[in-house]
Amino acid sequence: MQAKLIRRKDVIELTTLSRSTIDRREAEGKFPQRLSLGKNIVAWRYQDIMDWIDAQQPKNMGVVA
């Protein structure tokens, strides 16, 4: 099964991060790496982005003390 790929505008919408923040975090190794699909076309694996979003959630979210 092929991985679903999403373009930059979808990544921005899902993460609520700006283009420059995505680029900076990617360069720092703190965001999933993009895939080059052509000279001016990039995409990310949908599951990589969703996994990254899940990892950003506070550890105690949803836990009632």
Foldseek 3Di string as FASTA:
>chain_A
DDFDKDFPVVLCVVVVDDPVVQVVCVVVVLADDWDDPDDPGIIDGPVSSVVSVVVPDDPCPPPDD
